[in-house]
Amino acid sequence: MILYYHPLSSYCWKVLIALYENGIPFERRMLEEPETAAEWAQLWPIARFPLLHDRARNATVGEASIIIEYLALHEPGTFRPIPADPDAALEVRLIDRLFDNYVMTPMQTMVADRLRPHDARDPHGVSAARDMLARAYALLDARLAGRRWAAGDSLTLADCAAAPALFYADKIMPLRADYRVLGAYLDRIEARPSFARVLTEKAPWWHMFPFAEDGTPGR
């Protein structure tokens, strides 16, 4: 299997967690090389990553959540991203969507704005993103109360979404002081070997992230 990715991409982290949880062998290809970028664009004209290409099955799979479900179908292991119980599966998929849409998306809005030239920035859009992120923190802090992992007692797809979303969001709008449940969860997921490996691997590129560790602009 080939994973087209970038080591700072939150959605790529989401897939990497699943790959590492099950110890699935794969080849990683970064999109900085022109030949790799051309190959990726030919496989996936929408030109977004992560992208998984399974040479053995001649399958090309886009979208992080779908890639994780694909891996569960064709490379199953001890990590089961979607529970067998239908109600539990719905909760996992709901939490996955909440983190992607209401934590990851506003976080990425703020990061993208920071990377723009000063005269092209959007203070109104950033303000709206901060408001959405605050509401998401409050909702998820209540929803995760009493749970070890994002959707219950077992690691699932929901945690693959939650880990990168919260890690990055916390760098922009620190959450541990006001949202104790989310903060404790973030501590646990950062200590999980699969995600700890992702965080270690990002180090050579971390200087590219445009916010300081305390949430203040880094550029």
N, C-alpha and C. Protein backbone atom coordinates (compact mmCIF):
# COMPACT_ATOMS: atom_id res chain seq x y z
N MET A 1 0.84 -1.19 0.00
CA MET A 1 0.00 0.00 0.00
C MET A 1 0.88 1.25 0.00
N ILE A 2 0.40 2.27 -0.67
CA ILE A 2 1.10 3.55 -0.74
C ILE A 2 0.21 4.61 -0.13
N LEU A 3 0.76 5.40 0.77
CA LEU A 3 0.03 6.53 1.35
C LEU A 3 0.67 7.82 0.86
N TYR A 4 -0.11 8.62 0.15
CA TYR A 4 0.32 9.95 -0.27
C TYR A 4 -0.10 10.90 0.84
N TYR A 5 0.89 11.66 1.37
CA TYR A 5 0.59 12.38 2.59
C TYR A 5 1.55 13.54 2.79
N HIS A 6 1.26 14.34 3.83
CA HIS A 6 2.20 15.34 4.32
C HIS A 6 2.30 15.14 5.83
N PRO A 7 3.50 15.23 6.42
CA PRO A 7 3.66 14.92 7.84
C PRO A 7 3.06 15.94 8.80
N LEU A 8 2.54 17.07 8.30
CA LEU A 8 1.85 18.02 9.17
C LEU A 8 0.34 18.02 8.95
N SER A 9 -0.13 17.23 8.02
CA SER A 9 -1.57 17.22 7.70
C SER A 9 -2.36 16.48 8.79
N SER A 10 -3.33 17.17 9.36
CA SER A 10 -4.15 16.55 10.42
C SER A 10 -4.92 15.34 9.90
N TYR A 11 -5.41 15.42 8.67
CA TYR A 11 -6.15 14.28 8.13
C TYR A 11 -5.22 13.11 7.81
N CYS A 12 -3.98 13.40 7.45
CA CYS A 12 -3.01 12.32 7.27
C CYS A 12 -2.69 11.67 8.61
N TRP A 13 -2.58 12.48 9.66
CA TRP A 13 -2.37 11.90 11.00
C TRP A 13 -3.48 10.92 11.34
N LYS A 14 -4.69 11.29 10.98
CA LYS A 14 -5.85 10.45 11.27
C LYS A 14 -5.66 9.05 10.70
N VAL A 15 -5.18 8.96 9.47
CA VAL A 15 -4.95 7.66 8.83
C VAL A 15 -3.73 6.97 9.42
N LEU A 16 -2.68 7.74 9.70
CA LEU A 16 -1.47 7.14 10.27
C LEU A 16 -1.76 6.44 11.59
N ILE A 17 -2.61 7.02 12.42
CA ILE A 17 -2.96 6.38 13.69
C ILE A 17 -3.52 4.99 13.45
N ALA A 18 -4.45 4.88 12.49
CA ALA A 18 -5.05 3.58 12.19
C ALA A 18 -4.01 2.60 11.64
N LEU A 19 -3.13 3.07 10.76
CA LEU A 19 -2.08 2.21 10.22
C LEU A 19 -1.16 1.70 11.33
N TYR A 20 -0.78 2.59 12.24
CA TYR A 20 0.13 2.20 13.30
C TYR A 20 -0.55 1.31 14.33
N GLU A 21 -1.84 1.54 14.58
CA GLU A 21 -2.55 0.69 15.55
C GLU A 21 -2.53 -0.77 15.13
N ASN A 22 -2.66 -1.02 13.84
CA ASN A 22 -2.70 -2.40 13.36
C ASN A 22 -1.37 -2.87 12.78
N GLY A 23 -0.35 -2.02 12.79
CA GLY A 23 0.95 -2.43 12.27
C GLY A 23 0.91 -2.79 10.80
N ILE A 24 0.12 -2.06 10.02
CA ILE A 24 -0.03 -2.36 8.59
C ILE A 24 1.18 -1.82 7.83
N PRO A 25 1.88 -2.66 7.08
CA PRO A 25 3.00 -2.15 6.30
C PRO A 25 2.52 -1.27 5.14
N PHE A 26 3.22 -0.18 4.90
CA PHE A 26 2.85 0.71 3.81
C PHE A 26 4.06 1.54 3.41
N GLU A 27 3.98 2.07 2.21
CA GLU A 27 5.02 2.97 1.70
C GLU A 27 4.47 4.38 1.75
N ARG A 28 5.23 5.30 2.32
CA ARG A 28 4.77 6.68 2.39
C ARG A 28 5.42 7.50 1.29
N ARG A 29 4.63 8.36 0.68
CA ARG A 29 5.16 9.24 -0.35
C ARG A 29 4.72 10.67 -0.06
N MET A 30 5.71 11.51 0.17
CA MET A 30 5.43 12.92 0.42
C MET A 30 5.23 13.63 -0.91
N LEU A 31 4.41 14.66 -0.88
CA LEU A 31 4.00 15.31 -2.11
C LEU A 31 4.91 16.47 -2.52
N GLU A 32 6.08 16.55 -1.91
CA GLU A 32 7.00 17.62 -2.25
C GLU A 32 7.79 17.33 -3.52
N GLU A 33 7.91 16.05 -3.88
CA GLU A 33 8.63 15.69 -5.10
C GLU A 33 7.69 15.83 -6.31
N PRO A 34 8.14 16.51 -7.37
CA PRO A 34 7.26 16.72 -8.55
C PRO A 34 6.70 15.43 -9.14
N GLU A 35 7.52 14.38 -9.21
CA GLU A 35 7.04 13.12 -9.78
C GLU A 35 5.95 12.51 -8.92
N THR A 36 6.15 12.58 -7.60
CA THR A 36 5.14 12.04 -6.68
C THR A 36 3.85 12.84 -6.77
N ALA A 37 3.97 14.15 -6.83
CA ALA A 37 2.78 15.01 -6.92
C ALA A 37 2.01 14.73 -8.20
N ALA A 38 2.71 14.51 -9.30
CA ALA A 38 2.04 14.22 -10.57
C ALA A 38 1.33 12.87 -10.51
N GLU A 39 1.99 11.90 -9.92
CA GLU A 39 1.40 10.56 -9.76
C GLU A 39 0.13 10.63 -8.91
N TRP A 40 0.21 11.36 -7.80
CA TRP A 40 -0.92 11.56 -6.89
C TRP A 40 -2.09 12.24 -7.60
N ALA A 41 -1.81 13.29 -8.34
CA ALA A 41 -2.87 14.02 -9.04
C ALA A 41 -3.54 13.17 -10.11
N GLN A 42 -2.77 12.29 -10.72
CA GLN A 42 -3.35 11.40 -11.73
C GLN A 42 -4.27 10.37 -11.07
N LEU A 43 -3.87 9.88 -9.92
CA LEU A 43 -4.70 8.91 -9.20
C LEU A 43 -5.96 9.55 -8.63
N TRP A 44 -5.85 10.81 -8.21
CA TRP A 44 -6.93 11.47 -7.47
C TRP A 44 -7.05 12.92 -7.96
N PRO A 45 -7.77 13.14 -9.05
CA PRO A 45 -7.82 14.48 -9.65
C PRO A 45 -8.34 15.58 -8.71
N ILE A 46 -9.05 15.20 -7.64
CA ILE A 46 -9.52 16.19 -6.69
C ILE A 46 -8.34 16.83 -5.95
N ALA A 47 -7.19 16.16 -5.99
CA ALA A 47 -5.93 16.70 -5.46
C ALA A 47 -6.00 17.07 -3.99
N ARG A 48 -6.44 16.11 -3.18
CA ARG A 48 -6.43 16.27 -1.73
C ARG A 48 -5.80 15.03 -1.10
N PHE A 49 -5.20 15.22 0.04
CA PHE A 49 -4.60 14.09 0.73
C PHE A 49 -5.19 14.02 2.14
N PRO A 50 -5.10 12.83 2.77
CA PRO A 50 -4.36 11.63 2.37
C PRO A 50 -5.05 10.86 1.24
N LEU A 51 -4.25 10.08 0.56
CA LEU A 51 -4.75 9.19 -0.47
C LEU A 51 -4.04 7.86 -0.31
N LEU A 52 -4.82 6.78 -0.32
CA LEU A 52 -4.26 5.44 -0.21
C LEU A 52 -4.40 4.74 -1.55
N HIS A 53 -3.31 4.18 -2.03
CA HIS A 53 -3.35 3.36 -3.25
C HIS A 53 -2.92 1.95 -2.88
N ASP A 54 -3.86 1.03 -3.02
CA ASP A 54 -3.63 -0.38 -2.71
C ASP A 54 -3.30 -1.10 -4.01
N ARG A 55 -2.01 -1.32 -4.24
CA ARG A 55 -1.59 -1.92 -5.51
C ARG A 55 -2.09 -3.36 -5.64
N ALA A 56 -2.16 -4.08 -4.53
CA ALA A 56 -2.58 -5.48 -4.59
C ALA A 56 -4.01 -5.62 -5.09
N ARG A 57 -4.85 -4.67 -4.75
CA ARG A 57 -6.26 -4.73 -5.16
C ARG A 57 -6.58 -3.71 -6.25
N ASN A 58 -5.58 -2.99 -6.72
CA ASN A 58 -5.76 -1.95 -7.71
C ASN A 58 -6.87 -0.97 -7.30
N ALA A 59 -6.80 -0.56 -6.03
CA ALA A 59 -7.82 0.33 -5.47
C ALA A 59 -7.18 1.63 -5.02
N THR A 60 -7.85 2.73 -5.32
CA THR A 60 -7.43 4.05 -4.87
C THR A 60 -8.53 4.59 -3.97
N VAL A 61 -8.15 4.95 -2.74
CA VAL A 61 -9.14 5.31 -1.73
C VAL A 61 -8.81 6.69 -1.17
N GLY A 62 -9.77 7.61 -1.28
CA GLY A 62 -9.61 8.94 -0.72
C GLY A 62 -10.48 9.13 0.49
N GLU A 63 -10.26 10.25 1.20
CA GLU A 63 -10.99 10.66 2.39
C GLU A 63 -10.59 9.81 3.59
N ALA A 64 -10.10 10.49 4.63
CA ALA A 64 -9.48 9.80 5.76
C ALA A 64 -10.38 8.76 6.42
N SER A 65 -11.63 9.12 6.70
CA SER A 65 -12.52 8.17 7.37
C SER A 65 -12.77 6.94 6.51
N ILE A 66 -12.90 7.14 5.20
CA ILE A 66 -13.14 6.02 4.28
C ILE A 66 -11.89 5.15 4.18
N ILE A 67 -10.72 5.77 4.17
CA ILE A 67 -9.47 4.99 4.15
C ILE A 67 -9.40 4.09 5.37
N ILE A 68 -9.75 4.63 6.53
CA ILE A 68 -9.68 3.84 7.77
C ILE A 68 -10.67 2.68 7.72
N GLU A 69 -11.87 2.92 7.20
CA GLU A 69 -12.84 1.82 7.08
C GLU A 69 -12.36 0.80 6.04
N TYR A 70 -11.73 1.27 4.97
CA TYR A 70 -11.18 0.36 3.96
C TYR A 70 -10.12 -0.54 4.58
N LEU A 71 -9.24 0.04 5.37
CA LEU A 71 -8.21 -0.75 6.03
C LEU A 71 -8.82 -1.79 6.96
N ALA A 72 -9.89 -1.42 7.65
CA ALA A 72 -10.55 -2.35 8.56
C ALA A 72 -11.14 -3.54 7.80
N LEU A 73 -11.60 -3.29 6.57
CA LEU A 73 -12.17 -4.37 5.76
C LEU A 73 -11.10 -5.29 5.19
N HIS A 74 -10.00 -4.71 4.73
CA HIS A 74 -9.04 -5.49 3.96
C HIS A 74 -7.74 -5.81 4.69
N GLU A 75 -7.45 -5.10 5.78
CA GLU A 75 -6.27 -5.37 6.59
C GLU A 75 -6.66 -5.38 8.07
N PRO A 76 -7.61 -6.22 8.46
CA PRO A 76 -8.11 -6.19 9.83
C PRO A 76 -7.06 -6.66 10.83
N GLY A 77 -7.15 -6.11 12.01
CA GLY A 77 -6.25 -6.50 13.09
C GLY A 77 -6.96 -6.31 14.42
N THR A 78 -6.20 -6.04 15.45
CA THR A 78 -6.82 -5.86 16.77
C THR A 78 -7.55 -4.54 16.89
N PHE A 79 -7.17 -3.55 16.10
CA PHE A 79 -7.85 -2.25 16.12
C PHE A 79 -9.08 -2.32 15.24
N ARG A 80 -10.25 -2.10 15.84
CA ARG A 80 -11.51 -2.14 15.11
C ARG A 80 -12.09 -0.72 15.11
N PRO A 81 -11.96 0.03 14.04
CA PRO A 81 -12.39 1.42 14.05
C PRO A 81 -13.90 1.60 14.15
N ILE A 82 -14.67 0.63 13.68
CA ILE A 82 -16.13 0.72 13.73
C ILE A 82 -16.66 -0.47 14.54
N PRO A 83 -17.35 -0.23 15.65
CA PRO A 83 -17.88 -1.35 16.45
C PRO A 83 -18.92 -2.16 15.67
N ALA A 84 -19.06 -3.40 16.07
CA ALA A 84 -20.07 -4.26 15.43
C ALA A 84 -21.48 -3.85 15.83
N ASP A 85 -21.66 -3.37 17.05
CA ASP A 85 -22.98 -2.95 17.50
C ASP A 85 -23.44 -1.72 16.72
N PRO A 86 -24.62 -1.75 16.09
CA PRO A 86 -25.05 -0.63 15.25
C PRO A 86 -25.16 0.70 15.98
N ASP A 87 -25.69 0.70 17.20
CA ASP A 87 -25.81 1.95 17.94
C ASP A 87 -24.44 2.51 18.31
N ALA A 88 -23.54 1.63 18.73
CA ALA A 88 -22.18 2.07 19.04
C ALA A 88 -21.48 2.60 17.79
N ALA A 89 -21.75 1.96 16.65
CA ALA A 89 -21.16 2.43 15.39
C ALA A 89 -21.66 3.82 15.03
N LEU A 90 -22.93 4.08 15.26
CA LEU A 90 -23.46 5.42 14.99
C LEU A 90 -22.79 6.47 15.86
N GLU A 91 -22.58 6.15 17.12
CA GLU A 91 -21.91 7.11 18.02
C GLU A 91 -20.48 7.38 17.55
N VAL A 92 -19.78 6.35 17.12
CA VAL A 92 -18.42 6.53 16.61
C VAL A 92 -18.44 7.45 15.39
N ARG A 93 -19.35 7.20 14.48
CA ARG A 93 -19.40 8.02 13.27
C ARG A 93 -19.82 9.46 13.59
N LEU A 94 -20.71 9.62 14.57
CA LEU A 94 -21.10 10.97 14.98
C LEU A 94 -19.90 11.72 15.54
N ILE A 95 -19.16 11.11 16.46
CA ILE A 95 -18.01 11.78 17.06
C ILE A 95 -16.96 12.09 15.99
N ASP A 96 -16.78 11.17 15.05
CA ASP A 96 -15.87 11.41 13.93
C ASP A 96 -16.27 12.67 13.18
N ARG A 97 -17.55 12.82 12.88
CA ARG A 97 -18.04 13.99 12.15
C ARG A 97 -17.91 15.26 12.99
N LEU A 98 -18.20 15.16 14.29
CA LEU A 98 -18.10 16.34 15.15
C LEU A 98 -16.68 16.87 15.18
N PHE A 99 -15.71 15.98 15.33
CA PHE A 99 -14.32 16.44 15.37
C PHE A 99 -13.86 16.97 14.01
N ASP A 100 -14.24 16.30 12.94
CA ASP A 100 -13.80 16.77 11.62
C ASP A 100 -14.44 18.11 11.26
N ASN A 101 -15.74 18.22 11.47
CA ASN A 101 -16.47 19.40 10.99
C ASN A 101 -16.37 20.60 11.91
N TYR A 102 -16.32 20.36 13.23
CA TYR A 102 -16.47 21.48 14.16
C TYR A 102 -15.23 21.75 15.02
N VAL A 103 -14.22 20.88 14.90
CA VAL A 103 -12.92 21.17 15.52
C VAL A 103 -11.86 21.31 14.42
N MET A 104 -11.73 20.31 13.57
CA MET A 104 -10.72 20.35 12.53
C MET A 104 -10.95 21.50 11.56
N THR A 105 -12.18 21.68 11.11
CA THR A 105 -12.45 22.70 10.10
C THR A 105 -12.19 24.12 10.60
N PRO A 106 -12.73 24.54 11.76
CA PRO A 106 -12.39 25.89 12.22
C PRO A 106 -10.90 26.05 12.54
N MET A 107 -10.27 25.00 13.05
CA MET A 107 -8.83 25.08 13.29
C MET A 107 -8.09 25.34 11.99
N GLN A 108 -8.46 24.62 10.94
CA GLN A 108 -7.79 24.80 9.66
C GLN A 108 -8.08 26.17 9.06
N THR A 109 -9.27 26.70 9.32
CA THR A 109 -9.59 28.06 8.86
C THR A 109 -8.62 29.07 9.47
N MET A 110 -8.36 28.92 10.76
CA MET A 110 -7.45 29.85 11.43
C MET A 110 -6.01 29.67 10.98
N VAL A 111 -5.59 28.44 10.76
CA VAL A 111 -4.23 28.20 10.27
C VAL A 111 -4.07 28.77 8.87
N ALA A 112 -5.04 28.51 8.01
CA ALA A 112 -4.97 29.01 6.63
C ALA A 112 -4.92 30.53 6.60
N ASP A 113 -5.68 31.16 7.48
CA ASP A 113 -5.66 32.62 7.52
C ASP A 113 -4.29 33.14 7.94
N ARG A 114 -3.66 32.46 8.88
CA ARG A 114 -2.35 32.89 9.35
C ARG A 114 -1.30 32.77 8.25
N LEU A 115 -1.50 31.86 7.30
CA LEU A 115 -0.55 31.65 6.22
C LEU A 115 -0.75 32.62 5.06
N ARG A 116 -1.85 33.36 5.06
CA ARG A 116 -2.11 34.32 3.99
C ARG A 116 -1.27 35.59 4.15
N PRO A 117 -1.08 36.33 3.06
CA PRO A 117 -0.49 37.67 3.21
C PRO A 117 -1.37 38.52 4.12
N HIS A 118 -0.79 39.47 4.81
CA HIS A 118 -1.54 40.28 5.77
C HIS A 118 -2.74 40.97 5.14
N ASP A 119 -2.59 41.45 3.93
CA ASP A 119 -3.70 42.18 3.31
C ASP A 119 -4.80 41.28 2.77
N ALA A 120 -4.62 39.95 2.88
CA ALA A 120 -5.63 39.01 2.41
C ALA A 120 -6.30 38.26 3.55
N ARG A 121 -5.99 38.64 4.78
CA ARG A 121 -6.55 37.92 5.92
C ARG A 121 -8.01 38.30 6.17
N ASP A 122 -8.70 37.41 6.89
CA ASP A 122 -10.15 37.52 7.06
C ASP A 122 -10.50 37.50 8.55
N PRO A 123 -10.41 38.65 9.23
CA PRO A 123 -10.70 38.68 10.67
C PRO A 123 -12.11 38.18 11.01
N HIS A 124 -13.09 38.50 10.17
CA HIS A 124 -14.45 38.04 10.44
C HIS A 124 -14.53 36.52 10.38
N GLY A 125 -13.90 35.91 9.37
CA GLY A 125 -13.91 34.46 9.25
C GLY A 125 -13.20 33.78 10.40
N VAL A 126 -12.10 34.38 10.86
CA VAL A 126 -11.37 33.83 12.00
C VAL A 126 -12.19 33.93 13.27
N SER A 127 -12.90 35.06 13.44
CA SER A 127 -13.75 35.22 14.62
C SER A 127 -14.86 34.17 14.64
N ALA A 128 -15.46 33.93 13.48
CA ALA A 128 -16.51 32.90 13.40
C ALA A 128 -15.95 31.52 13.68
N ALA A 129 -14.75 31.26 13.21
CA ALA A 129 -14.12 29.96 13.45
C ALA A 129 -13.82 29.77 14.94
N ARG A 130 -13.37 30.82 15.60
CA ARG A 130 -13.11 30.74 17.05
C ARG A 130 -14.39 30.47 17.82
N ASP A 131 -15.47 31.12 17.40
CA ASP A 131 -16.75 30.89 18.07
C ASP A 131 -17.21 29.45 17.89
N MET A 132 -17.09 28.92 16.67
CA MET A 132 -17.47 27.53 16.43
C MET A 132 -16.61 26.58 17.25
N LEU A 133 -15.32 26.85 17.33
CA LEU A 133 -14.43 25.99 18.08
C LEU A 133 -14.78 25.99 19.57
N ALA A 134 -15.11 27.15 20.11
CA ALA A 134 -15.51 27.23 21.52
C ALA A 134 -16.78 26.42 21.78
N ARG A 135 -17.74 26.52 20.85
CA ARG A 135 -18.97 25.75 21.02
C ARG A 135 -18.70 24.25 20.91
N ALA A 136 -17.79 23.87 20.00
CA ALA A 136 -17.45 22.46 19.86
C ALA A 136 -16.75 21.93 21.11
N TYR A 137 -15.84 22.74 21.68
CA TYR A 137 -15.18 22.33 22.92
C TYR A 137 -16.22 22.02 24.00
N ALA A 138 -17.17 22.94 24.17
CA ALA A 138 -18.17 22.77 25.23
C ALA A 138 -19.02 21.51 24.99
N LEU A 139 -19.45 21.32 23.75
CA LEU A 139 -20.27 20.15 23.41
C LEU A 139 -19.50 18.86 23.66
N LEU A 140 -18.27 18.80 23.18
CA LEU A 140 -17.49 17.57 23.28
C LEU A 140 -17.02 17.32 24.71
N ASP A 141 -16.74 18.38 25.46
CA ASP A 141 -16.35 18.22 26.86
C ASP A 141 -17.47 17.52 27.63
N ALA A 142 -18.71 17.88 27.33
CA ALA A 142 -19.85 17.23 27.98
C ALA A 142 -20.07 15.82 27.43
N ARG A 143 -19.90 15.64 26.14
CA ARG A 143 -20.20 14.35 25.51
C ARG A 143 -19.20 13.27 25.91
N LEU A 144 -17.95 13.66 26.11
CA LEU A 144 -16.91 12.68 26.43
C LEU A 144 -16.80 12.38 27.93
N ALA A 145 -17.59 13.05 28.74
CA ALA A 145 -17.52 12.84 30.19
C ALA A 145 -17.78 11.37 30.53
N GLY A 146 -16.92 10.79 31.35
CA GLY A 146 -17.08 9.39 31.76
C GLY A 146 -16.52 8.38 30.79
N ARG A 147 -15.96 8.84 29.69
CA ARG A 147 -15.41 7.92 28.70
C ARG A 147 -13.88 7.92 28.76
N ARG A 148 -13.30 6.77 28.49
CA ARG A 148 -11.84 6.71 28.39
C ARG A 148 -11.39 7.20 27.02
N TRP A 149 -12.09 6.73 25.99
CA TRP A 149 -11.77 7.15 24.64
C TRP A 149 -12.93 7.95 24.07
N ALA A 150 -12.79 8.42 22.87
CA ALA A 150 -13.72 9.44 22.36
C ALA A 150 -15.16 8.95 22.26
N ALA A 151 -15.36 7.65 21.99
CA ALA A 151 -16.72 7.15 21.84
C ALA A 151 -17.04 6.03 22.83
N GLY A 152 -16.19 5.84 23.83
CA GLY A 152 -16.47 4.78 24.81
C GLY A 152 -15.20 4.22 25.40
N ASP A 153 -15.21 2.91 25.64
CA ASP A 153 -14.09 2.25 26.31
C ASP A 153 -13.01 1.75 25.36
N SER A 154 -13.28 1.75 24.05
CA SER A 154 -12.32 1.24 23.07
C SER A 154 -11.90 2.33 22.10
N LEU A 155 -10.66 2.25 21.64
CA LEU A 155 -10.17 3.16 20.62
C LEU A 155 -10.89 2.86 19.31
N THR A 156 -11.31 3.89 18.60
CA THR A 156 -12.07 3.72 17.36
C THR A 156 -11.70 4.80 16.36
N LEU A 157 -12.43 4.81 15.26
CA LEU A 157 -12.33 5.88 14.26
C LEU A 157 -12.48 7.25 14.91
N ALA A 158 -13.34 7.35 15.93
CA ALA A 158 -13.56 8.63 16.59
C ALA A 158 -12.26 9.19 17.17
N ASP A 159 -11.41 8.32 17.70
CA ASP A 159 -10.13 8.77 18.27
C ASP A 159 -9.15 9.17 17.18
N CYS A 160 -9.21 8.47 16.04
CA CYS A 160 -8.36 8.86 14.91
C CYS A 160 -8.67 10.29 14.47
N ALA A 161 -9.94 10.68 14.57
CA ALA A 161 -10.34 12.05 14.24
C ALA A 161 -10.01 13.02 15.37
N ALA A 162 -10.27 12.58 16.59
CA ALA A 162 -10.12 13.48 17.74
C ALA A 162 -8.68 13.88 17.98
N ALA A 163 -7.75 12.94 17.86
CA ALA A 163 -6.36 13.19 18.24
C ALA A 163 -5.75 14.37 17.49
N PRO A 164 -5.72 14.34 16.14
CA PRO A 164 -5.11 15.48 15.44
C PRO A 164 -5.93 16.75 15.58
N ALA A 165 -7.24 16.63 15.60
CA ALA A 165 -8.09 17.83 15.71
C ALA A 165 -7.82 18.57 17.01
N LEU A 166 -7.84 17.85 18.12
CA LEU A 166 -7.62 18.48 19.42
C LEU A 166 -6.18 18.94 19.60
N PHE A 167 -5.23 18.16 19.12
CA PHE A 167 -3.83 18.54 19.27
C PHE A 167 -3.58 19.89 18.61
N TYR A 168 -4.02 20.05 17.38
CA TYR A 168 -3.80 21.31 16.67
C TYR A 168 -4.65 22.43 17.26
N ALA A 169 -5.92 22.14 17.54
CA ALA A 169 -6.79 23.19 18.07
C ALA A 169 -6.26 23.74 19.39
N ASP A 170 -5.71 22.86 20.21
CA ASP A 170 -5.18 23.28 21.50
C ASP A 170 -4.00 24.23 21.35
N LYS A 171 -3.29 24.14 20.24
CA LYS A 171 -2.18 25.05 19.99
C LYS A 171 -2.67 26.46 19.64
N ILE A 172 -3.91 26.56 19.15
CA ILE A 172 -4.47 27.84 18.72
C ILE A 172 -5.39 28.43 19.79
N MET A 173 -6.25 27.58 20.34
CA MET A 173 -7.15 27.97 21.43
C MET A 173 -6.97 26.96 22.56
N PRO A 174 -6.00 27.19 23.46
CA PRO A 174 -5.72 26.22 24.51
C PRO A 174 -6.98 25.82 25.28
N LEU A 175 -7.12 24.52 25.55
CA LEU A 175 -8.39 24.01 26.08
C LEU A 175 -8.29 23.41 27.48
N ARG A 176 -7.10 23.07 27.94
CA ARG A 176 -6.99 22.28 29.16
C ARG A 176 -7.51 23.00 30.41
N ALA A 177 -7.36 24.32 30.49
CA ALA A 177 -7.78 25.04 31.69
C ALA A 177 -9.29 25.06 31.86
N ASP A 178 -10.02 25.21 30.76
CA ASP A 178 -11.47 25.39 30.84
C ASP A 178 -12.26 24.12 30.52
N TYR A 179 -11.63 23.18 29.86
CA TYR A 179 -12.36 21.97 29.43
C TYR A 179 -11.58 20.76 29.94
N ARG A 180 -11.82 20.42 31.20
CA ARG A 180 -11.00 19.42 31.88
C ARG A 180 -11.16 18.03 31.27
N VAL A 181 -12.37 17.69 30.84
CA VAL A 181 -12.59 16.37 30.24
C VAL A 181 -11.78 16.25 28.94
N LEU A 182 -11.89 17.25 28.08
CA LEU A 182 -11.13 17.23 26.83
C LEU A 182 -9.63 17.25 27.10
N GLY A 183 -9.21 18.04 28.08
CA GLY A 183 -7.80 18.11 28.41
C GLY A 183 -7.24 16.77 28.87
N ALA A 184 -7.98 16.10 29.74
CA ALA A 184 -7.53 14.78 30.22
C ALA A 184 -7.52 13.77 29.08
N TYR A 185 -8.52 13.85 28.21
CA TYR A 185 -8.56 12.96 27.05
C TYR A 185 -7.36 13.22 26.14
N LEU A 186 -7.07 14.50 25.89
CA LEU A 186 -5.94 14.83 25.03
C LEU A 186 -4.63 14.29 25.62
N ASP A 187 -4.48 14.36 26.93
CA ASP A 187 -3.29 13.78 27.56
C ASP A 187 -3.20 12.28 27.28
N ARG A 188 -4.34 11.58 27.40
CA ARG A 188 -4.33 10.13 27.18
C ARG A 188 -4.01 9.79 25.72
N ILE A 189 -4.62 10.50 24.80
CA ILE A 189 -4.41 10.14 23.39
C ILE A 189 -3.01 10.52 22.94
N GLU A 190 -2.44 11.58 23.49
CA GLU A 190 -1.06 11.93 23.14
C GLU A 190 -0.07 10.87 23.63
N ALA A 191 -0.43 10.18 24.71
CA ALA A 191 0.43 9.12 25.26
C ALA A 191 0.26 7.78 24.53
N ARG A 192 -0.80 7.64 23.76
CA ARG A 192 -1.02 6.40 23.02
C ARG A 192 0.12 6.20 22.03
N PRO A 193 0.76 5.01 22.01
CA PRO A 193 1.95 4.84 21.16
C PRO A 193 1.74 5.21 19.70
N SER A 194 0.58 4.89 19.12
CA SER A 194 0.36 5.21 17.72
C SER A 194 0.39 6.70 17.46
N PHE A 195 -0.24 7.48 18.35
CA PHE A 195 -0.27 8.93 18.14
C PHE A 195 1.05 9.56 18.59
N ALA A 196 1.65 9.01 19.63
CA ALA A 196 2.96 9.51 20.06
C ALA A 196 3.98 9.37 18.92
N ARG A 197 3.87 8.31 18.15
CA ARG A 197 4.76 8.13 17.00
C ARG A 197 4.52 9.20 15.95
N VAL A 198 3.25 9.50 15.68
CA VAL A 198 2.92 10.56 14.72
C VAL A 198 3.53 11.89 15.17
N LEU A 199 3.40 12.19 16.46
CA LEU A 199 3.91 13.45 16.98
C LEU A 199 5.44 13.51 16.91
N THR A 200 6.10 12.39 17.12
CA THR A 200 7.55 12.36 16.99
C THR A 200 7.97 12.58 15.55
N GLU A 201 7.25 11.96 14.62
CA GLU A 201 7.61 12.04 13.20
C GLU A 201 7.41 13.43 12.60
N LYS A 202 6.55 14.23 13.23
CA LYS A 202 6.29 15.57 12.69
C LYS A 202 7.43 16.55 12.96
N ALA A 203 8.32 16.20 13.90
CA ALA A 203 9.29 17.16 14.42
C ALA A 203 10.09 17.90 13.34
N PRO A 204 10.60 17.23 12.30
CA PRO A 204 11.42 17.96 11.32
C PRO A 204 10.66 19.05 10.56
N TRP A 205 9.34 18.97 10.56
CA TRP A 205 8.54 19.94 9.81
C TRP A 205 7.77 20.90 10.72
N TRP A 206 7.88 20.73 12.03
CA TRP A 206 7.02 21.47 12.96
C TRP A 206 7.22 22.97 12.88
N HIS A 207 8.42 23.40 12.49
CA HIS A 207 8.68 24.84 12.39
C HIS A 207 7.78 25.52 11.36
N MET A 208 7.16 24.74 10.49
CA MET A 208 6.27 25.30 9.47
C MET A 208 4.90 25.66 10.02
N PHE A 209 4.56 25.16 11.20
CA PHE A 209 3.26 25.46 11.79
C PHE A 209 3.27 26.91 12.28
N PRO A 210 2.29 27.72 11.87
CA PRO A 210 2.39 29.17 12.08
C PRO A 210 1.87 29.69 13.40
N PHE A 211 1.77 28.86 14.42
CA PHE A 211 1.36 29.30 15.75
C PHE A 211 2.37 28.82 16.77
N ALA A 212 2.62 29.64 17.77
CA ALA A 212 3.50 29.25 18.86
C ALA A 212 2.81 28.25 19.77
N GLU A 213 3.56 27.62 20.65
CA GLU A 213 3.02 26.60 21.53
C GLU A 213 1.96 27.16 22.49
N ASP A 214 1.98 28.47 22.76
CA ASP A 214 1.01 29.04 23.69
C ASP A 214 -0.24 29.56 22.99
N GLY A 215 -0.38 29.29 21.68
CA GLY A 215 -1.55 29.71 20.95
C GLY A 215 -1.43 31.06 20.29
N THR A 216 -0.31 31.77 20.52
CA THR A 216 -0.12 33.06 19.88
C THR A 216 0.43 32.87 18.48
N PRO A 217 0.20 33.81 17.58
CA PRO A 217 0.71 33.65 16.21
C PRO A 217 2.22 33.46 16.19
N GLY A 218 2.67 32.50 15.38
CA GLY A 218 4.09 32.22 15.24
C GLY A 218 4.71 32.94 14.06
N ARG A 219 3.87 33.55 13.24
CA ARG A 219 4.38 34.27 12.09
C ARG A 219 3.65 35.60 11.98
